[in-house]
N, C-alpha and C. Protein backbone atom coordinates (compact mmCIF):
# COMPACT_ATOMS: atom_id res chain seq x y z
N MET A 1 -66.28 -38.53 4.85
CA MET A 1 -66.94 -37.94 3.83
C MET A 1 -67.18 -36.55 3.98
N LYS A 2 -67.20 -36.07 5.14
CA LYS A 2 -67.46 -34.73 5.40
C LYS A 2 -66.01 -34.05 4.95
N THR A 3 -64.90 -34.52 5.30
CA THR A 3 -63.60 -34.10 5.03
C THR A 3 -63.39 -33.88 3.55
N PHE A 4 -63.85 -35.00 2.92
CA PHE A 4 -63.83 -34.96 1.33
C PHE A 4 -64.72 -33.77 0.68
N ILE A 5 -65.94 -33.59 1.18
CA ILE A 5 -66.81 -32.75 0.57
C ILE A 5 -66.28 -31.34 0.87
N LYS A 6 -65.72 -31.06 2.14
CA LYS A 6 -65.14 -29.83 2.47
C LYS A 6 -63.97 -29.61 1.59
N ALA A 7 -63.22 -30.59 1.12
CA ALA A 7 -62.04 -30.36 0.19
C ALA A 7 -62.39 -30.21 -1.23
N VAL A 8 -63.67 -30.72 -1.75
CA VAL A 8 -63.96 -30.42 -2.96
C VAL A 8 -64.54 -29.07 -2.95
N MET A 9 -65.12 -28.66 -1.98
CA MET A 9 -65.62 -27.12 -1.84
C MET A 9 -64.41 -26.06 -1.95
N ALA A 10 -63.29 -26.58 -1.24
CA ALA A 10 -62.14 -25.76 -1.31
C ALA A 10 -61.40 -25.73 -2.51
N GLY A 11 -61.69 -26.77 -3.40
CA GLY A 11 -61.06 -26.80 -4.83
C GLY A 11 -61.95 -25.97 -5.63
N ILE A 12 -63.14 -25.89 -5.36
CA ILE A 12 -64.07 -24.93 -6.08
C ILE A 12 -63.65 -23.40 -5.78
N ALA A 13 -63.43 -23.19 -4.45
CA ALA A 13 -63.05 -21.88 -4.17
C ALA A 13 -61.76 -21.45 -4.72
N ILE A 14 -60.77 -22.40 -4.97
CA ILE A 14 -59.50 -22.03 -5.47
C ILE A 14 -59.62 -21.83 -6.97
N SER A 15 -60.60 -22.53 -7.52
CA SER A 15 -60.75 -22.38 -8.87
C SER A 15 -61.47 -20.93 -9.33
N ILE A 16 -62.19 -20.54 -8.32
CA ILE A 16 -62.86 -19.04 -8.57
C ILE A 16 -61.73 -18.11 -8.48
N GLY A 17 -60.78 -18.38 -7.34
CA GLY A 17 -59.70 -17.27 -7.36
C GLY A 17 -58.89 -17.40 -8.53
N GLY A 18 -58.69 -18.67 -9.09
CA GLY A 18 -57.77 -18.83 -10.24
C GLY A 18 -58.52 -18.06 -11.35
N THR A 19 -59.74 -18.14 -11.49
CA THR A 19 -60.54 -17.51 -12.59
C THR A 19 -60.24 -16.04 -12.67
N ILE A 20 -60.51 -15.43 -11.43
CA ILE A 20 -60.30 -13.95 -11.49
C ILE A 20 -58.89 -13.57 -11.88
N TYR A 21 -57.86 -14.44 -11.32
CA TYR A 21 -56.42 -14.12 -11.72
C TYR A 21 -56.28 -14.22 -13.13
N LEU A 22 -56.90 -15.16 -13.82
CA LEU A 22 -56.59 -15.26 -15.26
C LEU A 22 -57.36 -14.19 -16.03
N THR A 23 -58.39 -13.43 -15.46
CA THR A 23 -59.29 -12.53 -16.13
C THR A 23 -58.76 -11.08 -15.87
N VAL A 24 -58.04 -10.76 -14.85
CA VAL A 24 -57.65 -9.49 -14.56
C VAL A 24 -56.22 -9.35 -15.34
N GLU A 25 -56.09 -8.31 -16.16
CA GLU A 25 -54.75 -8.03 -16.73
C GLU A 25 -53.49 -7.62 -15.81
N ASN A 26 -53.95 -6.85 -14.83
CA ASN A 26 -53.12 -6.29 -13.83
C ASN A 26 -52.64 -7.44 -12.95
N HIS A 27 -51.37 -7.97 -12.84
CA HIS A 27 -50.95 -9.08 -12.11
C HIS A 27 -51.14 -8.78 -10.48
N ILE A 28 -50.85 -7.59 -10.13
CA ILE A 28 -50.92 -7.25 -8.81
C ILE A 28 -52.41 -7.33 -8.24
N ALA A 29 -53.29 -6.83 -9.12
CA ALA A 29 -54.72 -6.83 -8.73
C ALA A 29 -55.22 -8.34 -8.86
N GLY A 30 -54.68 -9.06 -9.84
CA GLY A 30 -55.08 -10.46 -10.04
C GLY A 30 -54.67 -11.21 -8.57
N ALA A 31 -53.45 -10.90 -8.39
CA ALA A 31 -52.79 -11.69 -7.03
C ALA A 31 -53.70 -11.53 -5.94
N PHE A 32 -54.12 -10.12 -5.79
CA PHE A 32 -54.91 -9.80 -4.56
C PHE A 32 -56.30 -10.34 -4.53
N LEU A 33 -56.89 -10.43 -5.93
CA LEU A 33 -58.22 -10.94 -5.91
C LEU A 33 -58.29 -12.48 -5.87
N PHE A 34 -57.17 -13.15 -6.22
CA PHE A 34 -57.05 -14.63 -5.97
C PHE A 34 -57.22 -15.07 -4.53
N SER A 35 -56.86 -14.14 -3.64
CA SER A 35 -56.94 -14.60 -2.24
C SER A 35 -58.43 -14.70 -1.73
N ILE A 36 -59.31 -14.48 -2.67
CA ILE A 36 -60.77 -14.66 -2.28
C ILE A 36 -61.06 -16.26 -2.03
N GLY A 37 -60.22 -17.04 -2.69
CA GLY A 37 -60.36 -18.38 -2.66
C GLY A 37 -59.98 -18.86 -1.16
N LEU A 38 -58.72 -18.31 -0.68
CA LEU A 38 -58.39 -18.57 0.60
C LEU A 38 -59.15 -17.90 1.71
N PHE A 39 -59.70 -16.80 1.58
CA PHE A 39 -60.70 -16.16 2.36
C PHE A 39 -61.76 -17.03 2.49
N THR A 40 -62.41 -17.54 1.51
CA THR A 40 -63.60 -18.39 1.64
C THR A 40 -63.31 -19.77 2.26
N ILE A 41 -62.09 -20.24 1.93
CA ILE A 41 -61.81 -21.51 2.59
C ILE A 41 -61.66 -21.52 4.01
N TYR A 42 -60.96 -20.30 4.59
CA TYR A 42 -60.71 -20.31 5.99
C TYR A 42 -61.68 -19.54 6.83
N THR A 43 -62.69 -19.05 6.12
CA THR A 43 -63.89 -18.30 6.77
C THR A 43 -64.77 -19.37 6.96
N PHE A 44 -65.01 -20.44 5.94
CA PHE A 44 -66.08 -21.33 6.16
C PHE A 44 -65.57 -22.70 6.65
N GLY A 45 -64.24 -22.79 7.07
CA GLY A 45 -63.71 -24.12 7.67
C GLY A 45 -63.56 -25.26 6.51
N LEU A 46 -63.18 -24.81 5.30
CA LEU A 46 -63.10 -25.86 4.32
C LEU A 46 -61.68 -26.45 4.31
N ASN A 47 -61.29 -27.51 3.54
CA ASN A 47 -60.09 -28.15 3.79
C ASN A 47 -59.32 -27.99 2.36
N LEU A 48 -58.07 -27.49 2.66
CA LEU A 48 -57.18 -27.19 1.52
C LEU A 48 -55.81 -27.91 1.85
N TYR A 49 -55.46 -28.78 0.77
CA TYR A 49 -54.24 -29.51 1.07
C TYR A 49 -52.97 -28.81 1.39
N THR A 50 -52.83 -27.56 0.78
CA THR A 50 -51.66 -26.76 1.17
C THR A 50 -51.74 -26.08 2.54
N GLY A 51 -52.88 -26.15 3.05
CA GLY A 51 -53.11 -25.60 4.48
C GLY A 51 -52.91 -26.92 5.34
N LYS A 52 -53.48 -28.03 5.09
CA LYS A 52 -53.47 -29.22 5.89
C LYS A 52 -51.97 -29.57 6.27
N VAL A 53 -51.06 -29.55 5.11
CA VAL A 53 -49.76 -30.13 5.23
C VAL A 53 -49.07 -29.42 6.29
N CYS A 54 -49.44 -28.31 6.75
CA CYS A 54 -48.75 -27.45 7.74
C CYS A 54 -48.88 -28.16 9.19
N TYR A 55 -49.90 -28.89 9.30
CA TYR A 55 -50.12 -29.74 10.48
C TYR A 55 -49.36 -30.97 10.66
N ILE A 56 -48.75 -31.43 9.58
CA ILE A 56 -48.25 -32.82 9.58
C ILE A 56 -47.16 -32.87 10.73
N PRO A 57 -46.16 -31.92 10.94
CA PRO A 57 -45.14 -32.26 11.93
C PRO A 57 -45.77 -32.38 13.37
N ASN A 58 -46.98 -31.86 13.62
CA ASN A 58 -47.43 -31.81 15.01
C ASN A 58 -48.58 -32.90 15.22
N GLU A 59 -48.78 -33.87 14.15
CA GLU A 59 -49.88 -34.77 14.07
C GLU A 59 -49.31 -36.24 14.06
N ASN A 60 -50.13 -37.19 14.36
CA ASN A 60 -49.71 -38.65 14.19
C ASN A 60 -49.67 -39.01 12.69
N PRO A 61 -49.06 -40.19 12.50
CA PRO A 61 -48.99 -40.56 11.11
C PRO A 61 -50.22 -40.76 10.32
N LYS A 62 -51.46 -41.16 11.23
CA LYS A 62 -52.69 -41.41 10.62
C LYS A 62 -53.22 -40.11 9.88
N PHE A 63 -52.59 -38.92 10.32
CA PHE A 63 -53.11 -37.68 9.74
C PHE A 63 -52.85 -37.62 8.43
N LEU A 64 -51.87 -38.28 7.78
CA LEU A 64 -51.35 -38.34 6.50
C LEU A 64 -52.61 -38.86 5.57
N LEU A 65 -53.40 -39.68 6.04
CA LEU A 65 -54.39 -40.18 5.38
C LEU A 65 -55.55 -39.00 5.19
N THR A 66 -55.62 -38.28 6.16
CA THR A 66 -56.61 -37.24 5.95
C THR A 66 -56.09 -36.03 4.95
N VAL A 67 -54.67 -36.02 4.97
CA VAL A 67 -54.16 -35.03 3.94
C VAL A 67 -54.34 -35.54 2.50
N LEU A 68 -54.29 -36.95 2.43
CA LEU A 68 -54.43 -37.56 1.07
C LEU A 68 -55.91 -37.35 0.51
N ILE A 69 -56.78 -37.58 1.58
CA ILE A 69 -58.28 -37.36 1.29
C ILE A 69 -58.56 -35.96 0.80
N VAL A 70 -57.88 -35.03 1.47
CA VAL A 70 -58.11 -33.48 1.20
C VAL A 70 -57.62 -33.32 -0.17
N LEU A 71 -56.37 -33.75 -0.62
CA LEU A 71 -55.89 -33.71 -1.84
C LEU A 71 -56.72 -34.33 -2.97
N LEU A 72 -57.29 -35.35 -2.75
CA LEU A 72 -58.00 -35.93 -3.72
C LEU A 72 -59.43 -35.11 -3.76
N GLY A 73 -59.97 -34.62 -2.73
CA GLY A 73 -61.10 -33.81 -2.83
C GLY A 73 -60.74 -32.33 -3.47
N ASN A 74 -59.67 -31.81 -3.31
CA ASN A 74 -59.29 -30.64 -3.91
C ASN A 74 -59.12 -30.84 -5.42
N ALA A 75 -58.52 -31.94 -5.87
CA ALA A 75 -58.42 -32.25 -7.13
C ALA A 75 -59.78 -32.45 -7.88
N ALA A 76 -60.75 -33.14 -7.19
CA ALA A 76 -61.92 -33.26 -7.77
C ALA A 76 -62.72 -31.89 -7.98
N GLY A 77 -62.53 -30.92 -7.17
CA GLY A 77 -63.07 -29.77 -7.18
C GLY A 77 -62.47 -28.83 -8.32
N THR A 78 -61.18 -28.84 -8.39
CA THR A 78 -60.59 -28.07 -9.31
C THR A 78 -60.48 -28.53 -10.74
N VAL A 79 -60.26 -29.84 -10.87
CA VAL A 79 -60.52 -30.41 -12.29
C VAL A 79 -61.93 -30.28 -12.72
N GLY A 80 -62.83 -30.57 -11.89
CA GLY A 80 -64.18 -30.48 -12.34
C GLY A 80 -64.63 -29.08 -12.82
N MET A 81 -64.05 -28.08 -12.00
CA MET A 81 -64.34 -26.74 -12.51
C MET A 81 -63.66 -26.24 -13.64
N GLY A 82 -62.33 -26.82 -13.93
CA GLY A 82 -61.60 -26.47 -15.13
C GLY A 82 -62.30 -26.84 -16.36
N TYR A 83 -62.88 -28.19 -16.23
CA TYR A 83 -63.51 -28.78 -17.50
C TYR A 83 -64.93 -28.22 -17.59
N LEU A 84 -65.54 -27.81 -16.50
CA LEU A 84 -66.91 -27.25 -16.45
C LEU A 84 -66.85 -25.93 -17.25
N TYR A 85 -65.85 -25.16 -16.92
CA TYR A 85 -65.61 -23.82 -17.56
C TYR A 85 -65.29 -23.95 -19.02
N ARG A 86 -64.89 -25.02 -19.54
CA ARG A 86 -64.52 -25.18 -20.98
C ARG A 86 -65.86 -25.30 -21.81
N GLY A 87 -67.06 -25.35 -21.12
CA GLY A 87 -68.37 -25.24 -21.80
C GLY A 87 -69.03 -24.08 -21.54
N THR A 88 -68.48 -23.02 -21.06
CA THR A 88 -69.09 -21.67 -20.82
C THR A 88 -68.24 -20.69 -21.63
N LYS A 89 -68.69 -19.41 -21.43
CA LYS A 89 -68.08 -18.29 -22.09
C LYS A 89 -66.82 -17.99 -21.63
N LEU A 90 -66.45 -18.70 -20.45
CA LEU A 90 -65.02 -18.56 -19.96
C LEU A 90 -64.02 -19.48 -20.66
N VAL A 91 -64.50 -20.08 -21.78
CA VAL A 91 -63.53 -20.74 -22.56
C VAL A 91 -62.54 -19.82 -23.16
N LYS A 92 -62.94 -18.48 -23.33
CA LYS A 92 -62.04 -17.40 -23.76
C LYS A 92 -60.79 -17.36 -23.10
N LEU A 93 -60.81 -18.00 -21.81
CA LEU A 93 -59.57 -17.92 -21.02
C LEU A 93 -58.56 -19.09 -21.36
N VAL A 94 -59.01 -20.02 -22.07
CA VAL A 94 -58.26 -21.17 -22.29
C VAL A 94 -56.97 -20.96 -23.02
N GLU A 95 -56.95 -20.01 -24.03
CA GLU A 95 -55.74 -19.68 -24.83
C GLU A 95 -54.60 -19.08 -23.83
N HIS A 96 -55.11 -18.12 -23.09
CA HIS A 96 -54.15 -17.50 -22.12
C HIS A 96 -53.68 -18.47 -21.02
N THR A 97 -54.65 -19.54 -20.58
CA THR A 97 -54.16 -20.45 -19.53
C THR A 97 -53.28 -21.40 -20.15
N ALA A 98 -53.49 -21.87 -21.43
CA ALA A 98 -52.58 -22.88 -22.08
C ALA A 98 -51.16 -22.14 -22.22
N GLU A 99 -50.96 -21.01 -22.49
CA GLU A 99 -49.53 -20.37 -22.47
C GLU A 99 -49.07 -20.36 -21.17
N MET A 100 -49.80 -20.14 -20.13
CA MET A 100 -49.15 -20.16 -18.71
C MET A 100 -48.77 -21.51 -18.42
N VAL A 101 -49.68 -22.54 -18.72
CA VAL A 101 -49.45 -23.99 -18.50
C VAL A 101 -48.17 -24.44 -19.11
N ASN A 102 -48.03 -24.08 -20.55
CA ASN A 102 -46.90 -24.48 -21.31
C ASN A 102 -45.59 -23.89 -20.71
N LEU A 103 -45.66 -22.70 -20.13
CA LEU A 103 -44.47 -22.06 -19.46
C LEU A 103 -44.09 -22.96 -18.17
N LYS A 104 -45.07 -23.30 -17.42
CA LYS A 104 -44.81 -24.12 -16.32
C LYS A 104 -44.19 -25.38 -16.66
N LEU A 105 -44.76 -26.05 -17.73
CA LEU A 105 -44.14 -27.34 -18.09
C LEU A 105 -42.88 -27.17 -18.75
N SER A 106 -42.40 -25.95 -19.21
CA SER A 106 -41.18 -26.07 -19.80
C SER A 106 -40.00 -25.71 -18.68
N ASP A 107 -40.41 -25.52 -17.52
CA ASP A 107 -39.39 -25.34 -16.45
C ASP A 107 -38.78 -26.70 -16.08
N SER A 108 -37.71 -26.67 -15.33
CA SER A 108 -37.14 -28.02 -14.95
C SER A 108 -37.83 -28.50 -13.76
N ILE A 109 -37.68 -29.78 -13.50
CA ILE A 109 -38.25 -30.59 -12.35
C ILE A 109 -37.70 -29.96 -11.17
N TYR A 110 -36.28 -29.76 -11.01
CA TYR A 110 -35.78 -29.04 -9.84
C TYR A 110 -36.25 -27.73 -9.68
N SER A 111 -36.36 -26.87 -10.56
CA SER A 111 -36.88 -25.55 -10.44
C SER A 111 -38.29 -25.53 -9.96
N THR A 112 -39.14 -26.48 -10.51
CA THR A 112 -40.57 -26.50 -10.03
C THR A 112 -40.67 -26.92 -8.60
N PHE A 113 -39.68 -27.77 -8.26
CA PHE A 113 -39.84 -28.33 -6.94
C PHE A 113 -39.50 -27.31 -6.03
N ILE A 114 -38.48 -26.48 -6.30
CA ILE A 114 -38.06 -25.35 -5.30
C ILE A 114 -39.14 -24.36 -5.23
N MET A 115 -39.75 -23.99 -6.49
CA MET A 115 -40.84 -23.07 -6.30
C MET A 115 -41.90 -23.50 -5.54
N ALA A 116 -42.26 -24.81 -5.59
CA ALA A 116 -43.36 -25.50 -4.92
C ALA A 116 -43.03 -25.41 -3.36
N ILE A 117 -41.89 -25.55 -2.89
CA ILE A 117 -41.47 -25.47 -1.64
C ILE A 117 -41.70 -24.04 -0.97
N PHE A 118 -41.32 -23.04 -1.83
CA PHE A 118 -41.49 -21.70 -1.21
C PHE A 118 -42.96 -21.35 -1.29
N CYS A 119 -43.76 -21.79 -2.14
CA CYS A 119 -45.14 -21.80 -2.03
C CYS A 119 -45.75 -22.29 -0.92
N GLY A 120 -45.32 -23.46 -0.49
CA GLY A 120 -45.69 -24.02 0.80
C GLY A 120 -45.34 -23.30 2.08
N VAL A 121 -44.10 -22.67 2.10
CA VAL A 121 -43.86 -21.84 3.20
C VAL A 121 -44.71 -20.57 3.29
N MET A 122 -44.93 -20.05 2.12
CA MET A 122 -46.05 -18.88 2.07
C MET A 122 -47.29 -19.26 2.64
N MET A 123 -47.79 -20.45 2.09
CA MET A 123 -49.16 -20.88 2.51
C MET A 123 -49.14 -21.01 4.13
N CYS A 124 -48.04 -21.66 4.66
CA CYS A 124 -48.02 -22.04 6.07
C CYS A 124 -47.86 -20.57 6.74
N ILE A 125 -47.37 -19.61 6.28
CA ILE A 125 -47.38 -18.22 7.02
C ILE A 125 -48.74 -17.72 6.99
N ALA A 126 -49.50 -17.79 5.83
CA ALA A 126 -50.96 -17.40 5.70
C ALA A 126 -51.76 -18.04 6.70
N VAL A 127 -51.73 -19.45 6.69
CA VAL A 127 -52.55 -20.23 7.67
C VAL A 127 -52.15 -19.79 9.09
N MET A 128 -50.83 -19.75 9.36
CA MET A 128 -50.46 -19.60 10.74
C MET A 128 -50.94 -18.29 11.16
N GLY A 129 -50.75 -17.26 10.40
CA GLY A 129 -51.12 -15.95 10.79
C GLY A 129 -52.51 -15.71 10.81
N PHE A 130 -53.46 -16.38 9.93
CA PHE A 130 -54.79 -16.14 9.89
C PHE A 130 -55.39 -16.75 11.34
N GLN A 131 -54.79 -17.90 11.86
CA GLN A 131 -55.32 -18.57 12.86
C GLN A 131 -54.81 -18.09 14.21
N THR A 132 -53.67 -17.45 14.28
CA THR A 132 -53.22 -17.00 15.46
C THR A 132 -53.24 -15.42 15.89
N ILE A 133 -53.19 -14.68 14.73
CA ILE A 133 -53.44 -13.30 15.02
C ILE A 133 -54.98 -12.91 15.44
N LYS A 134 -55.17 -12.11 16.40
CA LYS A 134 -56.44 -11.87 16.98
C LYS A 134 -57.13 -10.63 16.20
N ASP A 135 -56.30 -9.67 16.04
CA ASP A 135 -56.80 -8.46 15.35
C ASP A 135 -57.32 -8.71 14.09
N SER A 136 -58.52 -8.22 13.62
CA SER A 136 -59.22 -8.65 12.33
C SER A 136 -58.45 -8.25 11.14
N VAL A 137 -57.94 -6.90 11.33
CA VAL A 137 -57.34 -6.40 10.04
C VAL A 137 -55.90 -7.25 9.93
N GLY A 138 -55.23 -7.38 10.95
CA GLY A 138 -53.91 -8.16 10.83
C GLY A 138 -54.14 -9.55 10.38
N LYS A 139 -55.26 -10.10 10.92
CA LYS A 139 -55.71 -11.46 10.50
C LYS A 139 -55.84 -11.71 9.06
N HIS A 140 -56.50 -10.72 8.51
CA HIS A 140 -56.75 -10.93 6.98
C HIS A 140 -55.65 -10.51 6.13
N LEU A 141 -54.81 -9.59 6.65
CA LEU A 141 -53.65 -9.19 5.98
C LEU A 141 -52.66 -10.39 6.03
N ALA A 142 -52.57 -11.05 7.13
CA ALA A 142 -51.77 -12.28 7.15
C ALA A 142 -52.16 -13.28 6.07
N LEU A 143 -53.38 -13.33 5.80
CA LEU A 143 -53.95 -14.46 4.76
C LEU A 143 -53.52 -13.86 3.43
N ILE A 144 -53.80 -12.62 3.02
CA ILE A 144 -53.70 -12.05 1.78
C ILE A 144 -52.33 -11.88 1.24
N LEU A 145 -51.37 -11.33 2.14
CA LEU A 145 -50.01 -10.93 1.71
C LEU A 145 -49.17 -12.00 1.18
N PRO A 146 -49.16 -13.25 1.97
CA PRO A 146 -48.37 -14.40 1.59
C PRO A 146 -48.95 -14.75 0.15
N ILE A 147 -50.15 -14.79 0.05
CA ILE A 147 -50.84 -15.50 -1.22
C ILE A 147 -50.29 -14.39 -2.40
N MET A 148 -50.34 -13.25 -2.26
CA MET A 148 -49.79 -12.17 -3.31
C MET A 148 -48.31 -12.71 -3.55
N VAL A 149 -47.63 -12.82 -2.53
CA VAL A 149 -46.34 -13.03 -2.70
C VAL A 149 -45.92 -14.25 -3.53
N PHE A 150 -46.51 -15.37 -3.19
CA PHE A 150 -46.33 -16.73 -3.91
C PHE A 150 -46.70 -16.51 -5.37
N ILE A 151 -47.81 -15.79 -5.62
CA ILE A 151 -48.26 -15.64 -7.06
C ILE A 151 -47.34 -14.77 -7.67
N LEU A 152 -46.90 -13.58 -7.32
CA LEU A 152 -46.20 -12.64 -7.93
C LEU A 152 -44.84 -13.15 -8.22
N SER A 153 -44.41 -13.99 -7.27
CA SER A 153 -43.00 -14.66 -7.22
C SER A 153 -42.87 -15.92 -8.25
N GLY A 154 -44.07 -16.24 -8.63
CA GLY A 154 -44.12 -17.36 -9.58
C GLY A 154 -43.95 -18.74 -8.91
N TYR A 155 -44.18 -18.77 -7.53
CA TYR A 155 -44.13 -20.00 -6.88
C TYR A 155 -45.25 -20.88 -7.34
N GLU A 156 -45.15 -22.26 -7.05
CA GLU A 156 -46.22 -23.24 -7.75
C GLU A 156 -47.10 -23.74 -6.69
N HIS A 157 -48.42 -23.52 -6.83
CA HIS A 157 -49.36 -23.99 -5.91
C HIS A 157 -50.05 -25.15 -6.59
N SER A 158 -50.00 -26.50 -5.99
CA SER A 158 -50.44 -27.58 -6.58
C SER A 158 -51.92 -27.66 -6.95
N ILE A 159 -52.73 -27.16 -6.01
CA ILE A 159 -54.22 -26.99 -6.32
C ILE A 159 -54.62 -26.10 -7.34
N ALA A 160 -54.07 -24.90 -7.35
CA ALA A 160 -54.25 -23.94 -8.32
C ALA A 160 -53.97 -24.36 -9.65
N ASP A 161 -52.59 -25.12 -9.83
CA ASP A 161 -52.21 -25.70 -10.94
C ASP A 161 -53.16 -26.76 -11.59
N LEU A 162 -53.83 -27.52 -10.64
CA LEU A 162 -54.73 -28.56 -11.08
C LEU A 162 -55.93 -27.89 -11.93
N PHE A 163 -56.27 -26.78 -11.36
CA PHE A 163 -57.22 -26.02 -12.21
C PHE A 163 -56.88 -25.55 -13.51
N TYR A 164 -55.64 -24.80 -13.53
CA TYR A 164 -55.15 -24.33 -14.64
C TYR A 164 -54.87 -25.40 -15.81
N PHE A 165 -54.27 -26.61 -15.24
CA PHE A 165 -53.97 -27.71 -16.22
C PHE A 165 -55.32 -28.27 -16.94
N SER A 166 -56.36 -28.28 -16.10
CA SER A 166 -57.81 -28.78 -16.49
C SER A 166 -58.32 -27.80 -17.50
N LEU A 167 -58.42 -26.54 -17.03
CA LEU A 167 -59.03 -25.50 -17.97
C LEU A 167 -58.23 -25.48 -19.38
N ALA A 168 -56.96 -25.68 -19.28
CA ALA A 168 -56.18 -25.74 -20.55
C ALA A 168 -56.23 -27.08 -21.28
N ASP A 169 -56.79 -28.11 -20.63
CA ASP A 169 -56.87 -29.40 -21.03
C ASP A 169 -55.48 -29.98 -21.53
N ALA A 170 -54.59 -29.79 -20.48
CA ALA A 170 -53.20 -30.08 -20.72
C ALA A 170 -52.64 -31.27 -20.24
N TRP A 171 -53.53 -32.20 -19.80
CA TRP A 171 -53.06 -33.33 -19.13
C TRP A 171 -52.43 -34.39 -20.01
N ASN A 172 -51.28 -34.78 -19.55
CA ASN A 172 -50.49 -35.92 -20.12
C ASN A 172 -49.55 -36.43 -19.16
N ARG A 173 -48.80 -37.30 -19.49
CA ARG A 173 -47.79 -37.97 -18.47
C ARG A 173 -47.06 -36.94 -17.85
N LYS A 174 -46.36 -35.96 -18.61
CA LYS A 174 -45.42 -34.94 -18.06
C LYS A 174 -46.18 -34.02 -17.03
N ALA A 175 -47.47 -33.59 -17.33
CA ALA A 175 -48.35 -32.68 -16.51
C ALA A 175 -48.65 -33.37 -15.21
N LEU A 176 -48.80 -34.71 -15.29
CA LEU A 176 -49.01 -35.55 -14.16
C LEU A 176 -47.86 -35.42 -13.17
N ILE A 177 -46.65 -35.84 -13.73
CA ILE A 177 -45.41 -35.81 -13.05
C ILE A 177 -45.28 -34.46 -12.25
N TYR A 178 -45.28 -33.47 -13.11
CA TYR A 178 -45.13 -31.94 -12.55
C TYR A 178 -45.99 -31.69 -11.38
N ILE A 179 -47.39 -32.19 -11.45
CA ILE A 179 -48.21 -31.95 -10.40
C ILE A 179 -47.89 -32.71 -9.11
N MET A 180 -47.44 -33.95 -9.31
CA MET A 180 -46.89 -34.77 -8.11
C MET A 180 -45.65 -34.04 -7.54
N VAL A 181 -44.80 -33.47 -8.40
CA VAL A 181 -43.64 -32.79 -7.87
C VAL A 181 -44.05 -31.65 -7.10
N ILE A 182 -45.00 -30.88 -7.48
CA ILE A 182 -45.51 -29.61 -7.01
C ILE A 182 -46.07 -29.93 -5.74
N ALA A 183 -47.00 -30.99 -5.54
CA ALA A 183 -47.71 -31.34 -4.49
C ALA A 183 -46.64 -31.72 -3.29
N PHE A 184 -45.72 -32.52 -3.75
CA PHE A 184 -44.65 -32.88 -2.73
C PHE A 184 -43.99 -31.68 -2.34
N GLY A 185 -43.67 -30.89 -3.10
CA GLY A 185 -42.91 -29.56 -2.74
C GLY A 185 -43.75 -28.72 -1.72
N ASN A 186 -45.00 -28.65 -2.06
CA ASN A 186 -45.89 -27.68 -1.22
C ASN A 186 -45.88 -28.49 0.12
N LEU A 187 -45.94 -29.86 0.16
CA LEU A 187 -45.88 -30.45 1.52
C LEU A 187 -44.58 -30.23 2.27
N VAL A 188 -43.34 -30.28 1.56
CA VAL A 188 -42.20 -30.07 2.19
C VAL A 188 -42.01 -28.57 2.82
N GLY A 189 -42.51 -27.66 1.88
CA GLY A 189 -42.40 -26.18 2.29
C GLY A 189 -43.36 -25.92 3.49
N GLY A 190 -44.57 -26.43 3.32
CA GLY A 190 -45.61 -26.18 4.30
C GLY A 190 -45.34 -26.79 5.70
N SER A 191 -44.40 -27.73 5.73
CA SER A 191 -44.01 -28.41 7.09
C SER A 191 -42.79 -27.87 7.66
N LEU A 192 -41.97 -27.02 6.75
CA LEU A 192 -40.78 -26.53 7.33
C LEU A 192 -40.77 -25.72 8.60
N LEU A 193 -41.72 -24.59 8.68
CA LEU A 193 -41.82 -23.83 9.91
C LEU A 193 -42.26 -24.51 11.06
N PRO A 194 -43.44 -25.35 10.90
CA PRO A 194 -43.66 -26.06 12.11
C PRO A 194 -42.75 -27.17 12.78
N LEU A 195 -42.10 -27.76 11.72
CA LEU A 195 -40.95 -28.80 12.00
C LEU A 195 -39.84 -27.99 12.73
N ALA A 196 -39.45 -26.87 12.29
CA ALA A 196 -38.43 -26.12 12.78
C ALA A 196 -38.64 -25.70 14.28
N SER A 197 -39.94 -25.28 14.47
CA SER A 197 -40.44 -24.84 15.75
C SER A 197 -40.44 -26.13 16.75
N ARG A 198 -40.81 -27.24 16.18
CA ARG A 198 -40.83 -28.31 16.99
C ARG A 198 -39.54 -28.78 17.46
N VAL A 199 -38.49 -28.80 16.55
CA VAL A 199 -37.21 -29.19 16.73
C VAL A 199 -36.38 -28.14 17.51
N LEU A 200 -36.51 -26.92 17.36
CA LEU A 200 -35.82 -26.06 18.07
C LEU A 200 -36.26 -25.45 19.36
N ASP A 201 -37.68 -25.32 19.39
CA ASP A 201 -38.32 -24.77 20.62
C ASP A 201 -39.25 -25.74 21.28
N ASN A 202 -39.33 -26.99 20.59
CA ASN A 202 -40.17 -27.95 21.25
C ASN A 202 -41.54 -27.38 21.55
N LYS A 203 -42.22 -26.54 20.68
CA LYS A 203 -43.48 -26.09 20.82
C LYS A 203 -44.17 -26.07 19.32
N LYS A 204 -45.45 -25.83 19.53
CA LYS A 204 -46.26 -25.65 18.21
C LYS A 204 -46.17 -24.28 17.87
N LEU A 205 -46.56 -23.98 16.58
CA LEU A 205 -46.66 -22.58 16.25
C LEU A 205 -48.19 -22.12 16.21
N GLY A 206 -49.00 -22.91 16.98
CA GLY A 206 -50.32 -22.45 17.06
C GLY A 206 -51.26 -22.72 15.87
N ILE A 207 -50.91 -23.55 15.03
CA ILE A 207 -51.61 -23.89 13.89
C ILE A 207 -52.47 -25.22 13.94
């Protein structure tokens, strides 16, 4: 239950980051401020799906159940926040969010999957850097910069997209398929560096 609750809270944190990203007109500033979500998650030890998948290559198969619980908790937090916002003055963001979601859903499955993989790679770099770098400044730069890169590059983050799809009330069969593709792509991308390290160097990356 503790794992699930921490995942719900992480979903809320990502939703707050997504909110400021939608609000700020300057994309660079929005990408920078979005990182408040990740800062909150890793400062308070919350559970984020796109961070947990980085551990998969170095854990036993039972860990996959933990990853699933975290994904469900993240979904509860982000979907809940998206629909909660629709009853507030933040409903003004719905039109802009709907345009962004429609653009995402107009992309091909193949492109979406590749964009999700690279988001997973960036997330792994952020998690790995935050947990291994001892210097405080370097530690937080390692957390912020990969996040900005994946946002500005248009890479797909499954948990953030859960929030955007919910705020836009864009759920249908196609949206569900895309979210599943993105979640799997994030898993593949997040596992790449740890897996490569284990295969090539037979050691963990310290995550």
